[in-house]
Amino acid sequence: HLATNIRYRLGHKYELDIKEVVLNTMSIKEQVQLTADAAIFISMCGGGAVTSMFLPKGASLLLYYTAAGHGRHPNTPARLDWDLLNNIGYIRVHWLPKPRQMFLKPIVGQNENRNDDLDFVLNLLDHELDIISHFDDYK
């Protein structure tokens, strides 16, 4: 579970307020308020990710996309909203291929890269939190 791993690996270093939500169960107003107060927003690309346009200046966006294509473009990664989100200059956007089993318990002989994927995400979050924690140094 990602939130548990974040708290375990980074909770001693940063003051964390992690909120796990299902955006489609929230009103648009609630989604915008939640996003406007976020320093880091993690989502799958698609409908819920559009809410990230309300992130505050300096926030980070981590978007998971499906590496295998679909529909008319079966050999192209599914990165919906690519143009929009990559051109929002006031946030840092990171596109990550969705690992199939990243947050599940390891199965012998399967998920060999699961720990590498998780370590990468946790290191990226550490880096982003470090940047965010120094914003006041530049005011």
N, C-alpha and C. Protein backbone atom coordinates (compact mmCIF):
# COMPACT_ATOMS: atom_id res chain seq x y z
N HIS A 1 0.84 -1.18 0.00
CA HIS A 1 0.00 0.00 0.00
C HIS A 1 0.88 1.24 0.00
N LEU A 2 0.69 2.12 -0.95
CA LEU A 2 1.59 3.25 -1.14
C LEU A 2 1.61 4.19 0.06
N ALA A 3 0.46 4.56 0.58
CA ALA A 3 0.41 5.52 1.70
C ALA A 3 1.17 4.98 2.91
N THR A 4 1.03 3.72 3.19
CA THR A 4 1.74 3.10 4.31
C THR A 4 3.25 3.17 4.10
N ASN A 5 3.68 2.87 2.88
CA ASN A 5 5.11 2.94 2.56
C ASN A 5 5.63 4.36 2.64
N ILE A 6 4.86 5.32 2.21
CA ILE A 6 5.28 6.73 2.29
C ILE A 6 5.45 7.13 3.75
N ARG A 7 4.47 6.80 4.57
CA ARG A 7 4.56 7.16 6.00
C ARG A 7 5.79 6.49 6.64
N TYR A 8 6.01 5.23 6.33
CA TYR A 8 7.12 4.49 6.92
C TYR A 8 8.48 5.06 6.50
N ARG A 9 8.62 5.34 5.18
CA ARG A 9 9.93 5.77 4.67
C ARG A 9 10.19 7.26 4.83
N LEU A 10 9.14 8.08 4.82
CA LEU A 10 9.36 9.53 4.79
C LEU A 10 8.75 10.28 5.97
N GLY A 11 7.95 9.59 6.78
CA GLY A 11 7.26 10.24 7.89
C GLY A 11 8.18 10.82 8.94
N HIS A 12 9.36 10.25 9.12
CA HIS A 12 10.32 10.78 10.10
C HIS A 12 11.01 12.04 9.60
N LYS A 13 10.98 12.25 8.30
CA LYS A 13 11.73 13.35 7.68
C LYS A 13 10.85 14.58 7.39
N TYR A 14 9.57 14.33 7.12
CA TYR A 14 8.65 15.40 6.74
C TYR A 14 7.36 15.29 7.54
N GLU A 15 6.70 16.41 7.73
CA GLU A 15 5.36 16.39 8.33
C GLU A 15 4.38 16.08 7.20
N LEU A 16 3.78 14.91 7.26
CA LEU A 16 2.93 14.43 6.17
C LEU A 16 1.46 14.43 6.56
N ASP A 17 0.64 14.85 5.64
CA ASP A 17 -0.82 14.76 5.79
C ASP A 17 -1.32 14.08 4.52
N ILE A 18 -1.34 12.76 4.53
CA ILE A 18 -1.70 11.99 3.34
C ILE A 18 -3.19 11.73 3.35
N LYS A 19 -3.82 12.07 2.24
CA LYS A 19 -5.26 11.82 2.09
C LYS A 19 -5.47 10.89 0.91
N GLU A 20 -6.10 9.78 1.16
CA GLU A 20 -6.46 8.85 0.10
C GLU A 20 -7.94 9.02 -0.18
N VAL A 21 -8.26 9.39 -1.40
CA VAL A 21 -9.65 9.66 -1.74
C VAL A 21 -9.99 9.00 -3.08
N VAL A 22 -11.27 8.84 -3.29
CA VAL A 22 -11.79 8.41 -4.58
C VAL A 22 -12.52 9.63 -5.13
N LEU A 23 -11.90 10.29 -6.10
CA LEU A 23 -12.41 11.58 -6.56
C LEU A 23 -13.84 11.51 -7.09
N ASN A 24 -14.20 10.42 -7.76
CA ASN A 24 -15.55 10.39 -8.35
C ASN A 24 -16.65 10.22 -7.30
N THR A 25 -16.27 10.10 -6.02
CA THR A 25 -17.27 10.08 -4.94
C THR A 25 -17.42 11.45 -4.31
N MET A 26 -16.64 12.42 -4.78
CA MET A 26 -16.65 13.77 -4.21
C MET A 26 -17.29 14.74 -5.19
N SER A 27 -17.84 15.81 -4.65
CA SER A 27 -18.37 16.87 -5.52
C SER A 27 -17.21 17.58 -6.21
N ILE A 28 -17.49 18.28 -7.28
CA ILE A 28 -16.45 19.05 -7.98
C ILE A 28 -15.83 20.07 -7.02
N LYS A 29 -16.66 20.73 -6.24
CA LYS A 29 -16.16 21.73 -5.28
C LYS A 29 -15.20 21.08 -4.29
N GLU A 30 -15.55 19.91 -3.76
CA GLU A 30 -14.67 19.21 -2.81
C GLU A 30 -13.36 18.80 -3.48
N GLN A 31 -13.43 18.35 -4.72
CA GLN A 31 -12.22 17.96 -5.45
C GLN A 31 -11.29 19.15 -5.64
N VAL A 32 -11.84 20.28 -6.04
CA VAL A 32 -11.04 21.49 -6.27
C VAL A 32 -10.42 21.97 -4.96
N GLN A 33 -11.19 21.97 -3.87
CA GLN A 33 -10.65 22.40 -2.58
C GLN A 33 -9.51 21.49 -2.12
N LEU A 34 -9.72 20.19 -2.26
CA LEU A 34 -8.68 19.23 -1.87
C LEU A 34 -7.42 19.43 -2.69
N THR A 35 -7.57 19.57 -3.98
CA THR A 35 -6.44 19.72 -4.88
C THR A 35 -5.72 21.05 -4.66
N ALA A 36 -6.47 22.11 -4.44
CA ALA A 36 -5.87 23.43 -4.24
C ALA A 36 -5.01 23.50 -2.98
N ASP A 37 -5.23 22.57 -2.05
CA ASP A 37 -4.44 22.54 -0.82
C ASP A 37 -3.33 21.50 -0.85
N ALA A 38 -3.18 20.77 -1.94
CA ALA A 38 -2.21 19.67 -2.01
C ALA A 38 -0.84 20.17 -2.45
N ALA A 39 0.19 19.58 -1.87
CA ALA A 39 1.56 19.85 -2.31
C ALA A 39 1.97 18.83 -3.36
N ILE A 40 1.49 17.60 -3.20
CA ILE A 40 1.76 16.52 -4.15
C ILE A 40 0.45 15.80 -4.43
N PHE A 41 0.19 15.55 -5.69
CA PHE A 41 -1.04 14.89 -6.12
C PHE A 41 -0.64 13.67 -6.94
N ILE A 42 -1.10 12.50 -6.53
CA ILE A 42 -0.78 11.26 -7.23
C ILE A 42 -2.08 10.70 -7.79
N SER A 43 -2.07 10.37 -9.09
CA SER A 43 -3.31 9.91 -9.73
C SER A 43 -2.99 9.06 -10.94
N MET A 44 -3.97 8.32 -11.39
CA MET A 44 -3.91 7.70 -12.72
C MET A 44 -4.29 8.78 -13.71
N CYS A 45 -3.76 8.71 -14.92
CA CYS A 45 -4.17 9.70 -15.90
C CYS A 45 -5.61 9.41 -16.30
N GLY A 46 -6.27 10.42 -16.78
CA GLY A 46 -7.68 10.29 -17.14
C GLY A 46 -8.50 11.35 -16.44
N GLY A 47 -9.77 11.07 -16.25
CA GLY A 47 -10.72 12.04 -15.72
C GLY A 47 -10.31 12.68 -14.41
N GLY A 48 -9.89 11.87 -13.43
CA GLY A 48 -9.51 12.41 -12.12
C GLY A 48 -8.29 13.29 -12.16
N ALA A 49 -7.41 13.04 -13.11
CA ALA A 49 -6.17 13.81 -13.20
C ALA A 49 -6.41 15.25 -13.65
N VAL A 50 -7.50 15.51 -14.32
CA VAL A 50 -7.80 16.86 -14.79
C VAL A 50 -7.92 17.81 -13.61
N THR A 51 -8.35 17.30 -12.47
CA THR A 51 -8.46 18.12 -11.27
C THR A 51 -7.11 18.73 -10.89
N SER A 52 -6.03 18.12 -11.33
CA SER A 52 -4.70 18.62 -10.96
C SER A 52 -4.42 20.02 -11.49
N MET A 53 -5.20 20.50 -12.42
CA MET A 53 -4.99 21.87 -12.91
C MET A 53 -5.26 22.90 -11.81
N PHE A 54 -5.84 22.47 -10.71
CA PHE A 54 -6.10 23.38 -9.59
C PHE A 54 -5.02 23.29 -8.51
N LEU A 55 -3.94 22.55 -8.78
CA LEU A 55 -2.83 22.48 -7.82
C LEU A 55 -2.21 23.86 -7.65
N PRO A 56 -1.70 24.15 -6.47
CA PRO A 56 -1.06 25.45 -6.26
C PRO A 56 0.32 25.52 -6.92
N LYS A 57 0.80 26.72 -7.10
CA LYS A 57 2.12 26.95 -7.68
C LYS A 57 3.17 26.18 -6.88
N GLY A 58 4.04 25.47 -7.60
CA GLY A 58 5.11 24.72 -6.96
C GLY A 58 4.76 23.31 -6.57
N ALA A 59 3.53 22.89 -6.78
CA ALA A 59 3.11 21.53 -6.41
C ALA A 59 3.68 20.52 -7.40
N SER A 60 3.62 19.26 -7.01
CA SER A 60 4.09 18.16 -7.85
C SER A 60 2.93 17.26 -8.21
N LEU A 61 2.97 16.76 -9.42
CA LEU A 61 1.94 15.85 -9.92
C LEU A 61 2.62 14.57 -10.39
N LEU A 62 2.23 13.44 -9.82
CA LEU A 62 2.72 12.13 -10.26
C LEU A 62 1.55 11.42 -10.92
N LEU A 63 1.71 11.14 -12.19
CA LEU A 63 0.63 10.50 -12.95
C LEU A 63 1.05 9.13 -13.43
N TYR A 64 0.25 8.14 -13.11
CA TYR A 64 0.47 6.80 -13.63
C TYR A 64 -0.32 6.66 -14.92
N TYR A 65 0.31 6.07 -15.92
CA TYR A 65 -0.38 5.79 -17.18
C TYR A 65 -0.23 4.32 -17.52
N THR A 66 -1.10 3.81 -18.35
CA THR A 66 -1.04 2.42 -18.78
C THR A 66 -0.03 2.33 -19.91
N ALA A 67 1.02 1.56 -19.69
CA ALA A 67 2.10 1.48 -20.68
C ALA A 67 1.64 0.85 -21.98
N ALA A 68 0.76 -0.12 -21.91
CA ALA A 68 0.22 -0.73 -23.13
C ALA A 68 -0.89 0.15 -23.67
N GLY A 69 -0.86 0.40 -24.95
CA GLY A 69 -1.87 1.24 -25.56
C GLY A 69 -3.22 0.57 -25.61
N HIS A 70 -4.15 1.26 -26.21
CA HIS A 70 -5.48 0.71 -26.36
C HIS A 70 -6.18 1.41 -27.51
N GLY A 71 -7.30 0.89 -27.92
CA GLY A 71 -8.09 1.51 -28.97
C GLY A 71 -7.34 1.61 -30.29
N ARG A 72 -7.35 2.78 -30.89
CA ARG A 72 -6.71 2.99 -32.19
C ARG A 72 -5.19 3.00 -32.12
N HIS A 73 -4.62 3.10 -30.93
CA HIS A 73 -3.17 3.20 -30.77
C HIS A 73 -2.66 2.11 -29.81
N PRO A 74 -2.74 0.85 -30.21
CA PRO A 74 -2.38 -0.24 -29.29
C PRO A 74 -0.90 -0.30 -28.92
N ASN A 75 -0.03 0.36 -29.66
CA ASN A 75 1.40 0.32 -29.38
C ASN A 75 1.94 1.60 -28.76
N THR A 76 1.05 2.46 -28.31
CA THR A 76 1.42 3.75 -27.74
C THR A 76 0.93 3.83 -26.30
N PRO A 77 1.77 4.29 -25.37
CA PRO A 77 1.30 4.42 -23.98
C PRO A 77 0.08 5.33 -23.89
N ALA A 78 -0.83 4.97 -23.01
CA ALA A 78 -2.05 5.75 -22.81
C ALA A 78 -1.76 6.88 -21.83
N ARG A 79 -1.41 8.05 -22.34
CA ARG A 79 -1.12 9.21 -21.50
C ARG A 79 -2.12 10.30 -21.84
N LEU A 80 -3.31 10.14 -21.30
CA LEU A 80 -4.35 11.13 -21.54
C LEU A 80 -3.93 12.45 -20.89
N ASP A 81 -4.37 13.53 -21.44
CA ASP A 81 -4.10 14.86 -20.89
C ASP A 81 -2.64 15.27 -20.97
N TRP A 82 -1.84 14.57 -21.76
CA TRP A 82 -0.39 14.83 -21.89
C TRP A 82 -0.12 16.30 -22.20
N ASP A 83 -0.75 16.80 -23.28
CA ASP A 83 -0.47 18.18 -23.70
C ASP A 83 -0.88 19.20 -22.65
N LEU A 84 -2.05 19.03 -22.09
CA LEU A 84 -2.52 19.98 -21.08
C LEU A 84 -1.60 19.99 -19.86
N LEU A 85 -1.37 18.84 -19.28
CA LEU A 85 -0.64 18.79 -18.01
C LEU A 85 0.84 19.10 -18.16
N ASN A 86 1.44 18.78 -19.29
CA ASN A 86 2.85 19.10 -19.48
C ASN A 86 3.07 20.57 -19.77
N ASN A 87 2.02 21.30 -20.05
CA ASN A 87 2.17 22.73 -20.34
C ASN A 87 1.67 23.63 -19.22
N ILE A 88 1.38 23.04 -18.08
CA ILE A 88 1.06 23.85 -16.90
C ILE A 88 2.40 24.16 -16.24
N GLY A 89 2.88 25.35 -16.45
CA GLY A 89 4.25 25.70 -16.05
C GLY A 89 4.47 25.90 -14.56
N TYR A 90 3.43 25.95 -13.77
CA TYR A 90 3.61 26.24 -12.35
C TYR A 90 3.65 24.99 -11.47
N ILE A 91 3.55 23.79 -12.09
CA ILE A 91 3.68 22.54 -11.33
C ILE A 91 4.72 21.65 -12.01
N ARG A 92 5.27 20.72 -11.24
CA ARG A 92 6.20 19.73 -11.78
C ARG A 92 5.42 18.44 -12.04
N VAL A 93 5.46 17.97 -13.28
CA VAL A 93 4.68 16.79 -13.69
C VAL A 93 5.64 15.63 -13.94
N HIS A 94 5.32 14.48 -13.38
CA HIS A 94 6.09 13.25 -13.57
C HIS A 94 5.14 12.17 -14.08
N TRP A 95 5.47 11.58 -15.23
CA TRP A 95 4.68 10.50 -15.82
C TRP A 95 5.34 9.18 -15.48
N LEU A 96 4.59 8.27 -14.90
CA LEU A 96 5.13 6.99 -14.48
C LEU A 96 4.28 5.86 -15.07
N PRO A 97 4.93 4.88 -15.71
CA PRO A 97 4.14 3.74 -16.20
C PRO A 97 3.57 2.98 -15.01
N LYS A 98 2.32 2.60 -15.10
CA LYS A 98 1.66 1.93 -13.99
C LYS A 98 2.23 0.53 -13.81
N PRO A 99 2.86 0.29 -12.66
CA PRO A 99 3.32 -1.07 -12.39
C PRO A 99 2.11 -1.96 -12.09
N ARG A 100 2.13 -3.15 -12.59
CA ARG A 100 0.96 -4.02 -12.43
C ARG A 100 0.71 -4.42 -10.99
N GLN A 101 1.74 -4.74 -10.25
CA GLN A 101 1.55 -5.29 -8.91
C GLN A 101 2.32 -4.51 -7.85
N MET A 102 2.59 -3.25 -8.08
CA MET A 102 3.52 -2.53 -7.24
C MET A 102 3.16 -2.52 -5.76
N PHE A 103 1.90 -2.42 -5.45
CA PHE A 103 1.52 -2.23 -4.06
C PHE A 103 0.94 -3.49 -3.44
N LEU A 104 1.07 -4.61 -4.11
CA LEU A 104 0.57 -5.87 -3.57
C LEU A 104 1.69 -6.63 -2.90
N LYS A 105 1.33 -7.62 -2.10
CA LYS A 105 2.34 -8.47 -1.48
C LYS A 105 3.08 -9.24 -2.56
N PRO A 106 4.40 -9.42 -2.38
CA PRO A 106 5.15 -10.15 -3.40
C PRO A 106 4.72 -11.61 -3.49
N ILE A 107 4.76 -12.14 -4.70
CA ILE A 107 4.47 -13.54 -4.96
C ILE A 107 5.76 -14.16 -5.48
N VAL A 108 6.15 -15.27 -4.91
CA VAL A 108 7.40 -15.92 -5.30
C VAL A 108 7.40 -16.17 -6.81
N GLY A 109 8.47 -15.71 -7.47
CA GLY A 109 8.59 -15.91 -8.92
C GLY A 109 7.89 -14.84 -9.74
N GLN A 110 7.20 -13.92 -9.10
CA GLN A 110 6.52 -12.84 -9.80
C GLN A 110 6.87 -11.51 -9.15
N ASN A 111 6.55 -10.45 -9.82
CA ASN A 111 6.72 -9.09 -9.27
C ASN A 111 8.18 -8.77 -8.93
N GLU A 112 9.12 -9.26 -9.74
CA GLU A 112 10.53 -9.04 -9.44
C GLU A 112 10.88 -7.56 -9.35
N ASN A 113 10.24 -6.74 -10.13
CA ASN A 113 10.57 -5.32 -10.16
C ASN A 113 9.72 -4.49 -9.19
N ARG A 114 8.86 -5.14 -8.44
CA ARG A 114 7.94 -4.42 -7.57
C ARG A 114 8.68 -3.53 -6.59
N ASN A 115 9.70 -4.05 -5.93
CA ASN A 115 10.44 -3.24 -4.95
C ASN A 115 11.22 -2.12 -5.62
N ASP A 116 11.76 -2.35 -6.80
CA ASP A 116 12.45 -1.29 -7.53
C ASP A 116 11.48 -0.17 -7.89
N ASP A 117 10.28 -0.53 -8.34
CA ASP A 117 9.27 0.46 -8.69
C ASP A 117 8.89 1.28 -7.47
N LEU A 118 8.66 0.62 -6.36
CA LEU A 118 8.28 1.30 -5.13
C LEU A 118 9.40 2.20 -4.64
N ASP A 119 10.63 1.71 -4.66
CA ASP A 119 11.77 2.53 -4.26
C ASP A 119 11.88 3.78 -5.13
N PHE A 120 11.68 3.61 -6.44
CA PHE A 120 11.75 4.76 -7.33
C PHE A 120 10.71 5.82 -6.95
N VAL A 121 9.48 5.40 -6.73
CA VAL A 121 8.41 6.34 -6.38
C VAL A 121 8.72 7.01 -5.04
N LEU A 122 9.16 6.25 -4.07
CA LEU A 122 9.48 6.83 -2.76
C LEU A 122 10.65 7.81 -2.84
N ASN A 123 11.66 7.50 -3.65
CA ASN A 123 12.78 8.43 -3.84
C ASN A 123 12.33 9.69 -4.57
N LEU A 124 11.45 9.53 -5.54
CA LEU A 124 10.91 10.70 -6.24
C LEU A 124 10.10 11.57 -5.28
N LEU A 125 9.28 10.96 -4.45
CA LEU A 125 8.51 11.72 -3.47
C LEU A 125 9.43 12.43 -2.47
N ASP A 126 10.49 11.76 -2.05
CA ASP A 126 11.46 12.38 -1.15
C ASP A 126 12.07 13.62 -1.81
N HIS A 127 12.45 13.49 -3.06
CA HIS A 127 13.02 14.62 -3.81
C HIS A 127 12.02 15.77 -3.91
N GLU A 128 10.79 15.46 -4.26
CA GLU A 128 9.77 16.51 -4.40
C GLU A 128 9.47 17.17 -3.06
N LEU A 129 9.38 16.38 -2.00
CA LEU A 129 9.15 16.96 -0.68
C LEU A 129 10.32 17.84 -0.24
N ASP A 130 11.53 17.45 -0.60
CA ASP A 130 12.70 18.27 -0.29
C ASP A 130 12.61 19.62 -0.99
N ILE A 131 12.25 19.61 -2.26
CA ILE A 131 12.08 20.87 -3.01
C ILE A 131 11.02 21.74 -2.35
N ILE A 132 9.87 21.14 -2.06
CA ILE A 132 8.76 21.88 -1.48
C ILE A 132 9.14 22.44 -0.11
N SER A 133 9.90 21.69 0.66
CA SER A 133 10.27 22.14 2.01
C SER A 133 11.20 23.35 1.99
N HIS A 134 11.81 23.64 0.84
CA HIS A 134 12.73 24.79 0.75
C HIS A 134 12.12 25.99 0.03
N PHE A 135 10.84 25.96 -0.28
CA PHE A 135 10.23 27.08 -0.98
C PHE A 135 10.40 28.39 -0.22
N ASP A 136 10.26 28.37 1.08
CA ASP A 136 10.37 29.61 1.86
C ASP A 136 11.77 30.20 1.81
N ASP A 137 12.77 29.40 1.49
CA ASP A 137 14.15 29.90 1.39
C ASP A 137 14.31 30.91 0.26
N TYR A 138 13.39 30.92 -0.71
CA TYR A 138 13.53 31.76 -1.89
C TYR A 138 12.58 32.93 -1.93
N LYS A 139 11.87 33.17 -0.84
CA LYS A 139 10.93 34.30 -0.81
C LYS A 139 11.62 35.58 -0.42
